Amino acid sequence: MKIPDKMPTLKYLHSFYILVECGSVAEAVNNHRISRPTLSRHIKLLEEELGKTLFLRTNDSYKLTADGYKVHEHAQSIFQIANEMFEEATTSESSLSGKVMVVSSSGIAALILPNIFKKLPLIGSDIELHVKPVANVTKKLMEENDISVQTYRPTQKNLIARKIGTIRCGAYASLDYLKEKGTPQNMSELKDHFFVGAVPTNSLKNTFEDTWKLKFPDRIIHLHCDDHAVAWRMVVDGCGIGVTHISTGDNEPRVKRVLPELPNLTFPIWLVTHVVTKNTQRIKFISDLITEETAHLR
């Protein structure tokens, strides 16, 4: 790798990053032990080094320019990697302690992760595990967390992705809903029903069409909910037809599988970690645990 001859002064870049993240000079000064004159001087010197105007200044406010947004994106990557490097260097490789951040789609978080993480108290590690369920695992969330568990393979080169399983799902509705609205007897009748979902509309529509070979309208989900557990409760309470893991649906006596003769809907499970932290002991431990405990889903 070629070593660059010229680089921005990191302390200037750090001051710039602090100001953008804090949103105001007052917030940056109060929270980061930096004086107002020093902060202003660092921003001015960074702009001189880069030959770019990074902020539009009005009184006490700083608004990013187009160049400022680009520099902030690079600064974010630089300081995230620096933080990961520091954390890895100052934590014993053999230590199973410290924080591990896991982001996951809400469906996987509700259906898969609880049965895995219930083993942690039995193992007796000192890992502080943070689980963040979201409707959609974005690139930004993958960058910000140690591990992500999701239904699509990422494309970023600084990430390592492993397919660790497949979720097999079916469509279900409550007995009350089917009594009132009628039970669909074929595929064409299914299109006329009310759907509840936490899966993004395009993803669910594409899965339906690819698996069941039937064209669905663009507005397939009528009741959206970002949390799968809440969406499933809505299905159980009679709000409409929803998709969930077969074991969850089949074991719920208040619902019935709709058109059980149809092929299962399948969603891949990808485990994603960072190249720079893949050997950090606590992250590797949690990654291996998730991989081992999803073996039955392969």
Protein backbone atom coordinates (compact mmCIF):
# COMPACT_ATOMS: atom_id res chain seq x y z
CA MET A 1 0.00 0.00 0.00
CA LYS A 2 1.36 3.41 -0.94
CA ILE A 3 1.94 5.67 2.06
CA PRO A 4 0.49 9.13 1.32
CA ASP A 5 2.90 12.08 1.40
CA LYS A 6 0.25 14.55 2.50
CA MET A 7 -2.50 14.04 5.05
CA PRO A 8 -4.81 16.38 6.96
CA THR A 9 -3.78 17.07 10.54
CA LEU A 10 -5.79 14.58 12.58
CA LYS A 11 -6.48 16.91 15.51
CA TYR A 12 -8.01 19.42 13.07
CA LEU A 13 -10.08 16.67 11.46
CA HIS A 14 -11.14 15.45 14.89
CA SER A 15 -12.38 18.89 15.86
CA PHE A 16 -14.32 19.08 12.59
CA TYR A 17 -15.85 15.65 13.28
CA ILE A 18 -16.82 16.62 16.85
CA LEU A 19 -18.56 19.78 15.65
CA VAL A 20 -20.57 17.95 12.99
CA GLU A 21 -21.59 15.13 15.33
CA CYS A 22 -22.57 17.51 18.13
CA GLY A 23 -24.53 19.80 15.86
CA SER A 24 -23.46 23.06 17.48
CA VAL A 25 -20.42 24.85 18.83
CA ALA A 26 -21.93 25.04 22.33
CA GLU A 27 -22.58 21.30 22.42
CA ALA A 28 -19.07 20.50 21.17
CA VAL A 29 -17.43 22.81 23.73
CA ASN A 30 -19.51 21.50 26.63
CA ASN A 31 -19.04 17.80 25.90
CA HIS A 32 -15.52 17.46 24.52
CA ARG A 33 -13.18 19.61 26.60
CA ILE A 34 -12.29 21.91 23.74
CA SER A 35 -12.45 25.69 23.87
CA ARG A 36 -14.44 27.74 21.39
CA PRO A 37 -11.35 29.57 20.00
CA THR A 38 -9.46 26.28 19.58
CA LEU A 39 -12.40 24.67 17.79
CA SER A 40 -12.76 27.62 15.41
CA ARG A 41 -9.01 27.71 14.76
CA HIS A 42 -8.87 23.97 13.98
CA ILE A 43 -11.77 24.26 11.51
CA LYS A 44 -10.09 27.22 9.78
CA LEU A 45 -6.73 25.40 9.55
CA LEU A 46 -8.38 22.23 8.22
CA GLU A 47 -10.12 24.24 5.49
CA GLU A 48 -6.78 25.80 4.57
CA GLU A 49 -5.09 22.39 4.42
CA LEU A 50 -7.81 20.93 2.21
CA GLY A 51 -8.40 24.05 0.16
CA LYS A 52 -12.14 23.65 0.68
CA THR A 53 -14.89 25.54 2.48
CA LEU A 54 -16.45 23.00 4.82
CA PHE A 55 -19.03 25.17 6.54
CA LEU A 56 -21.33 28.06 5.79
CA ARG A 57 -21.17 30.22 8.91
CA THR A 58 -24.08 32.30 10.18
CA ASN A 59 -23.68 33.79 13.67
CA ASP A 60 -23.06 30.78 15.95
CA SER A 61 -24.31 28.13 13.52
CA TYR A 62 -22.26 26.02 11.14
CA LYS A 63 -23.95 24.44 8.11
CA LEU A 64 -22.06 21.83 6.08
CA THR A 65 -21.27 22.55 2.45
CA ALA A 66 -21.25 19.80 -0.20
CA ASP A 67 -17.48 19.43 0.38
CA GLY A 68 -18.14 19.35 4.13
CA TYR A 69 -20.50 16.39 3.76
CA LYS A 70 -17.86 14.47 1.79
CA VAL A 71 -15.15 15.17 4.37
CA HIS A 72 -17.47 14.17 7.20
CA GLU A 73 -18.16 10.82 5.53
CA HIS A 74 -14.42 10.10 5.35
CA ALA A 75 -13.84 11.38 8.90
CA GLN A 76 -16.56 9.06 10.18
CA SER A 77 -14.79 6.04 8.66
CA ILE A 78 -11.39 7.16 9.95
CA PHE A 79 -12.48 7.64 13.55
CA GLN A 80 -14.59 4.50 13.62
CA ILE A 81 -11.57 2.44 12.53
CA ALA A 82 -9.37 4.31 15.01
CA ASN A 83 -11.83 3.57 17.81
CA GLU A 84 -12.00 -0.11 16.87
CA MET A 85 -8.19 -0.29 16.72
CA PHE A 86 -7.87 1.31 20.17
CA GLU A 87 -10.52 -0.97 21.66
CA GLU A 88 -8.92 -4.08 20.19
CA ALA A 89 -5.41 -3.03 21.27
CA THR A 90 -6.46 -2.26 24.84
CA THR A 91 -8.63 -5.35 25.34
CA SER A 92 -7.04 -8.72 26.02
CA GLU A 93 -7.51 -11.06 23.07
CA SER A 94 -8.26 -13.86 25.51
CA SER A 95 -10.83 -11.84 27.45
CA LEU A 96 -14.52 -12.60 27.10
CA SER A 97 -15.57 -9.24 28.47
CA GLY A 98 -16.67 -5.92 27.06
CA LYS A 99 -19.48 -4.60 24.87
CA VAL A 100 -20.71 -6.30 21.69
CA MET A 101 -23.22 -4.45 19.50
CA VAL A 102 -25.55 -6.63 17.42
CA VAL A 103 -28.01 -5.15 14.92
CA SER A 104 -30.64 -7.38 13.38
CA SER A 105 -33.82 -7.27 11.38
CA SER A 106 -36.75 -7.28 13.78
CA GLY A 107 -37.97 -10.66 12.51
CA ILE A 108 -34.66 -12.40 13.21
CA ALA A 109 -34.36 -10.57 16.52
CA ALA A 110 -37.79 -11.83 17.60
CA LEU A 111 -37.71 -15.35 16.16
CA ILE A 112 -34.08 -16.50 16.16
CA LEU A 113 -31.86 -14.56 18.58
CA PRO A 114 -33.68 -15.24 21.90
CA ASN A 115 -33.07 -18.99 21.68
CA ILE A 116 -29.40 -18.30 21.01
CA PHE A 117 -28.69 -15.68 23.63
CA LYS A 118 -30.47 -17.56 26.42
CA LYS A 119 -27.28 -19.64 26.58
CA LEU A 120 -25.13 -16.69 27.66
CA PRO A 121 -25.98 -16.93 31.41
CA LEU A 122 -25.10 -20.64 31.30
CA ILE A 123 -21.71 -19.91 29.70
CA GLY A 124 -20.95 -17.29 32.33
CA SER A 125 -19.14 -14.71 30.16
CA ASP A 126 -18.80 -11.03 31.12
CA ILE A 127 -19.84 -9.82 27.68
CA GLU A 128 -22.23 -6.88 27.68
CA LEU A 129 -24.49 -7.63 24.72
CA HIS A 130 -26.58 -4.91 23.06
CA VAL A 131 -29.21 -6.07 20.53
CA LYS A 132 -30.80 -3.50 18.21
CA PRO A 133 -33.82 -4.76 16.21
CA VAL A 134 -34.64 -2.64 13.16
CA ALA A 135 -37.01 -2.80 10.20
CA ASN A 136 -34.11 -2.70 7.73
CA VAL A 137 -30.39 -3.20 8.37
CA THR A 138 -28.81 -0.35 6.42
CA LYS A 139 -25.16 0.09 5.39
CA LYS A 140 -24.76 2.74 8.09
CA LEU A 141 -26.07 0.37 10.79
CA MET A 142 -23.69 -2.37 9.62
CA GLU A 143 -20.80 0.07 9.92
CA GLU A 144 -21.85 1.25 13.40
CA ASN A 145 -22.32 -2.20 14.99
CA ASP A 146 -19.94 -5.11 15.64
CA ILE A 147 -22.22 -7.80 14.21
CA SER A 148 -25.28 -7.66 12.00
CA VAL A 149 -27.72 -10.50 11.34
CA GLN A 150 -29.85 -9.88 8.27
CA THR A 151 -31.56 -11.34 5.23
CA TYR A 152 -29.31 -9.98 2.46
CA ARG A 153 -25.61 -10.12 1.64
CA PRO A 154 -23.75 -6.79 1.94
CA THR A 155 -21.43 -5.48 -0.77
CA GLN A 156 -18.94 -3.43 1.31
CA LYS A 157 -15.36 -4.68 1.04
CA ASN A 158 -14.58 -3.98 4.71
CA LEU A 159 -17.23 -6.48 5.85
CA ILE A 160 -17.19 -10.27 6.06
CA ALA A 161 -20.50 -12.03 5.35
CA ARG A 162 -21.40 -15.67 6.00
CA LYS A 163 -24.70 -17.32 5.15
CA ILE A 164 -25.57 -19.21 8.33
CA GLY A 165 -29.10 -20.42 7.70
CA THR A 166 -32.51 -19.99 6.16
CA ILE A 167 -35.77 -18.93 7.80
CA ARG A 168 -38.75 -20.91 6.50
CA CYS A 169 -42.00 -19.01 6.79
CA GLY A 170 -45.67 -19.32 6.00
CA ALA A 171 -48.71 -17.06 5.86
CA TYR A 172 -51.02 -17.10 8.90
CA ALA A 173 -54.22 -15.44 10.06
CA SER A 174 -56.24 -15.57 13.24
CA LEU A 175 -59.28 -17.84 13.49
CA ASP A 176 -61.44 -14.75 14.14
CA TYR A 177 -60.14 -12.98 11.02
CA LEU A 178 -60.75 -16.03 8.82
CA LYS A 179 -64.24 -16.47 10.26
CA GLU A 180 -65.11 -12.88 9.40
CA LYS A 181 -63.28 -12.47 6.08
CA GLY A 182 -63.33 -16.06 4.88
CA THR A 183 -60.45 -18.48 4.36
CA PRO A 184 -58.78 -18.12 0.95
CA GLN A 185 -59.10 -21.35 -1.01
CA ASN A 186 -56.67 -20.53 -3.80
CA MET A 187 -53.97 -18.08 -4.83
CA SER A 188 -56.26 -15.65 -6.60
CA GLU A 189 -58.37 -15.23 -3.44
CA LEU A 190 -55.25 -14.53 -1.37
CA LYS A 191 -54.69 -11.27 -3.27
CA ASP A 192 -57.98 -9.88 -1.96
CA HIS A 193 -57.04 -10.16 1.71
CA PHE A 194 -55.59 -7.68 4.20
CA PHE A 195 -51.87 -8.14 4.95
CA VAL A 196 -49.91 -7.14 8.04
CA GLY A 197 -46.11 -6.98 7.94
CA ALA A 198 -42.77 -5.85 9.29
CA VAL A 199 -40.91 -6.89 6.12
CA PRO A 200 -40.35 -4.05 3.60
CA THR A 201 -43.11 -4.17 0.97
CA ASN A 202 -40.84 -4.74 -2.05
CA SER A 203 -38.98 -7.56 -0.32
CA LEU A 204 -42.18 -9.37 0.68
CA LYS A 205 -43.83 -8.81 -2.70
CA ASN A 206 -40.78 -10.20 -4.53
CA THR A 207 -40.63 -13.22 -2.21
CA PHE A 208 -44.33 -13.94 -2.75
CA GLU A 209 -44.02 -13.68 -6.51
CA ASP A 210 -40.79 -15.68 -6.77
CA THR A 211 -42.06 -18.49 -4.52
CA TRP A 212 -45.74 -18.64 -5.39
CA LYS A 213 -45.48 -17.57 -9.06
CA LEU A 214 -48.36 -15.13 -8.79
CA LYS A 215 -48.40 -11.41 -9.54
CA PHE A 216 -49.27 -9.29 -6.48
CA PRO A 217 -50.24 -5.60 -6.39
CA ASP A 218 -47.56 -3.11 -5.38
CA ARG A 219 -49.40 -2.24 -2.16
CA ILE A 220 -49.36 -5.75 -0.75
CA ILE A 221 -49.05 -4.72 2.92
CA HIS A 222 -51.95 -2.70 4.28
CA LEU A 223 -50.81 -2.47 7.92
CA HIS A 224 -47.10 -1.76 8.36
CA CYS A 225 -45.17 -2.24 11.59
CA ASP A 226 -41.38 -1.97 11.97
CA ASP A 227 -41.34 -4.46 14.86
CA HIS A 228 -41.99 -8.09 13.89
CA ALA A 229 -43.13 -9.08 17.38
CA VAL A 230 -45.76 -6.33 17.38
CA ALA A 231 -46.79 -7.16 13.79
CA TRP A 232 -47.25 -10.81 14.77
CA ARG A 233 -49.39 -9.82 17.76
CA MET A 234 -51.56 -7.83 15.35
CA VAL A 235 -51.99 -10.95 13.22
CA VAL A 236 -52.91 -13.03 16.29
CA ASP A 237 -55.45 -10.39 17.32
CA GLY A 238 -57.16 -10.49 13.92
CA CYS A 239 -55.74 -7.53 11.99
CA GLY A 240 -54.99 -9.55 8.85
CA ILE A 241 -52.73 -12.15 7.25
CA GLY A 242 -49.04 -12.07 8.21
CA VAL A 243 -45.85 -14.01 7.59
CA THR A 244 -43.82 -15.65 10.33
CA HIS A 245 -41.51 -18.58 11.05
CA ILE A 246 -43.38 -21.88 10.60
CA SER A 247 -42.59 -23.10 14.11
CA THR A 248 -43.98 -19.86 15.59
CA GLY A 249 -47.16 -19.96 13.52
CA ASP A 250 -47.82 -23.68 13.90
CA ASN A 251 -47.45 -23.48 17.68
CA GLU A 252 -49.91 -20.60 18.10
CA PRO A 253 -53.43 -22.05 18.65
CA ARG A 254 -55.18 -18.75 17.86
CA VAL A 255 -54.03 -18.73 14.23
CA LYS A 256 -54.24 -21.00 11.21
CA ARG A 257 -51.86 -21.34 8.31
CA VAL A 258 -53.30 -19.96 5.10
CA LEU A 259 -52.98 -22.21 2.02
CA PRO A 260 -50.58 -24.65 3.76
CA GLU A 261 -50.07 -26.51 0.49
CA LEU A 262 -48.09 -23.56 -0.88
CA PRO A 263 -44.26 -23.77 -0.82
CA ASN A 264 -42.57 -22.24 2.22
CA LEU A 265 -41.38 -18.64 1.92
CA THR A 266 -37.62 -18.66 2.54
CA PHE A 267 -35.36 -15.85 3.75
CA PRO A 268 -31.56 -16.32 4.00
CA ILE A 269 -29.76 -15.42 7.24
CA TRP A 270 -26.45 -13.60 6.80
CA LEU A 271 -24.03 -12.93 9.67
CA VAL A 272 -21.85 -9.88 9.00
CA THR A 273 -18.73 -8.72 10.86
CA HIS A 274 -15.95 -6.20 10.25
CA VAL A 275 -12.61 -7.23 8.76
CA VAL A 276 -10.71 -5.20 11.37
CA THR A 277 -12.45 -6.79 14.38
CA LYS A 278 -13.07 -10.35 13.21
CA ASN A 279 -10.47 -11.77 15.63
CA THR A 280 -11.49 -9.72 18.67
CA GLN A 281 -12.27 -12.46 21.14
CA ARG A 282 -15.64 -11.30 22.42
CA ILE A 283 -16.94 -10.52 18.90
CA LYS A 284 -15.67 -13.85 17.57
CA PHE A 285 -17.30 -15.62 20.52
CA ILE A 286 -20.74 -14.11 19.83
CA SER A 287 -20.37 -14.66 16.07
CA ASP A 288 -19.46 -18.31 16.61
CA LEU A 289 -22.34 -18.77 19.06
CA ILE A 290 -24.86 -17.39 16.54
CA THR A 291 -23.39 -19.56 13.77
CA GLU A 292 -23.41 -22.75 15.86
CA GLU A 293 -26.94 -22.23 17.18
CA THR A 294 -28.39 -21.65 13.72
CA ALA A 295 -26.93 -24.90 12.32
CA HIS A 296 -30.42 -26.49 12.40
CA LEU A 297 -31.63 -23.80 9.99
CA ARG A 298 -29.25 -24.82 7.20
